[in-house]
Protein backbone atom coordinates (compact mmCIF):
# COMPACT_ATOMS: atom_id res chain seq x y z
CA MET A 1 0.00 0.00 0.00
CA ILE A 2 2.93 2.24 -0.81
CA ILE A 3 0.94 4.66 -2.95
CA GLY A 4 -2.15 4.57 -0.75
CA VAL A 5 -4.03 1.95 -2.76
CA ALA A 6 -4.84 -1.38 -1.13
CA PRO A 7 -3.56 -4.44 -3.04
CA ASP A 8 -7.09 -5.84 -3.41
CA GLU A 9 -8.02 -2.71 -5.41
CA TYR A 10 -5.28 -3.17 -8.04
CA GLU A 11 -7.33 -5.38 -10.37
CA GLU A 12 -10.29 -3.01 -10.26
CA ILE A 13 -8.09 -0.03 -11.02
CA LEU A 14 -6.29 -1.80 -13.85
CA ALA A 15 -9.61 -2.90 -15.34
CA ALA A 16 -10.81 0.71 -15.21
CA ILE A 17 -7.63 1.93 -16.88
CA CYS A 18 -7.21 -0.79 -19.50
CA GLY A 19 -10.86 -1.52 -20.16
CA GLU A 20 -12.62 -4.88 -20.22
CA GLY A 21 -10.68 -7.83 -21.60
CA CYS A 22 -7.33 -6.22 -20.86
CA GLU A 23 -4.49 -8.59 -21.72
CA PRO A 24 -1.79 -9.13 -19.05
CA ASP A 25 0.90 -7.76 -21.38
CA ALA A 26 -1.20 -4.85 -22.63
CA THR A 27 0.39 -1.43 -22.64
CA ILE A 28 -1.29 1.89 -22.07
CA THR A 29 -0.02 5.38 -22.55
CA PHE A 30 0.44 7.77 -19.67
CA ALA A 31 -2.34 9.90 -21.16
CA ASP A 32 -4.71 6.89 -21.03
CA PHE A 33 -3.65 6.19 -17.46
CA GLU A 34 -4.15 9.82 -16.46
CA GLU A 35 -7.55 10.01 -18.16
CA ARG A 36 -8.94 6.70 -16.88
CA LEU A 37 -7.64 6.54 -13.29
CA PRO A 38 -10.75 6.35 -11.06
CA ALA A 39 -11.42 9.31 -8.75
CA GLY A 40 -11.10 7.34 -5.48
CA PRO A 41 -7.62 5.91 -6.11
CA ARG A 42 -6.56 9.21 -7.71
CA ALA A 43 -7.48 11.09 -4.51
CA GLU A 44 -5.61 8.53 -2.36
CA ILE A 45 -2.51 8.84 -4.50
CA GLU A 46 -2.66 12.63 -4.72
CA ALA A 47 -2.96 12.85 -0.92
CA ARG A 48 0.48 11.21 -0.63
CA LEU A 49 2.22 13.52 -3.09
CA THR A 50 4.85 15.93 -1.84
CA VAL A 51 4.70 19.67 -2.39
CA ASP A 52 6.61 19.09 -5.64
CA GLY A 53 3.92 16.66 -6.84
CA VAL A 54 5.91 13.42 -6.53
CA LEU A 55 5.53 10.35 -4.35
CA PRO A 56 8.08 10.16 -1.54
CA SER A 57 10.95 7.91 -2.58
CA LEU A 58 11.51 4.53 -1.00
CA TYR A 59 15.16 4.71 -2.04
CA ALA A 60 17.64 5.06 0.79
CA PRO A 61 21.22 5.88 -0.21
CA PRO A 62 23.88 3.44 1.04
CA GLU A 63 25.18 5.91 3.61
CA ARG A 64 21.81 5.66 5.40
CA TRP A 65 21.73 1.85 5.44
CA THR A 66 22.08 0.23 8.82
CA GLU A 67 23.49 -3.22 9.42
CA THR A 68 21.05 -5.48 11.24
CA ARG A 69 23.22 -8.59 11.36
CA SER A 70 25.50 -9.34 14.31
CA ALA A 71 29.28 -9.57 13.98
CA ALA A 72 29.02 -13.37 14.33
CA GLU A 73 26.51 -13.53 11.45
CA LEU A 74 28.76 -11.39 9.26
CA ARG A 75 31.79 -13.62 10.03
CA TRP A 76 29.75 -16.73 9.25
CA GLU A 77 28.59 -15.23 5.93
CA GLN A 78 32.17 -14.31 5.00
CA MET A 79 33.36 -17.84 5.88
CA VAL A 80 30.63 -19.42 3.72
CA LYS A 81 31.52 -17.16 0.79
CA MET A 82 35.21 -18.03 1.09
CA GLN A 83 34.45 -21.77 1.24
CA ALA A 84 32.16 -21.52 -1.76
CA GLN A 85 34.79 -19.60 -3.69
CA ARG A 86 37.47 -22.14 -2.76
CA SER A 87 35.20 -25.05 -3.79
CA GLY A 88 34.27 -23.25 -6.99
CA ASN A 89 37.92 -22.75 -7.85
CA GLN A 90 38.63 -26.45 -7.20
CA LEU A 91 35.76 -27.46 -9.46
CA ARG A 92 36.98 -25.19 -12.26
CA GLN A 93 40.53 -26.51 -11.89
CA ASN A 94 39.25 -30.10 -12.03
CA ASP A 95 37.23 -29.31 -15.18
CA ILE A 96 40.25 -27.71 -16.84
CA LEU A 97 42.53 -30.61 -15.91
CA GLY A 98 39.92 -33.13 -17.08
CA ASN A 99 39.54 -31.34 -20.40
CA GLU A 100 43.31 -31.14 -20.91
CA LEU A 101 43.83 -34.81 -20.03
CA ASN A 102 41.06 -35.93 -22.36
CA LYS A 103 42.58 -34.09 -25.33
CA GLY A 104 45.40 -36.59 -25.74
């Protein structure tokens, strides 16, 4: 409900915008969307707009990210990645050796 429209209303809104028999891969122009958006959802969306007329962004720049994992979880993740990389390198080396040995 990021834009103020409940998920159960999506189908109704899309049907109003696309028209009856709307195909799942149908495309509409922004002008069609603007013209056909029902008044109720339009009011809900417009109520969430900023002074500049845009929806508030959900994007958070990396400098505002916070780490929620503990130091032990981070160490475990790093260990798993290193083991996977080591195993992956061994598998690639075995493939290369197998290919080279089978050439002769």
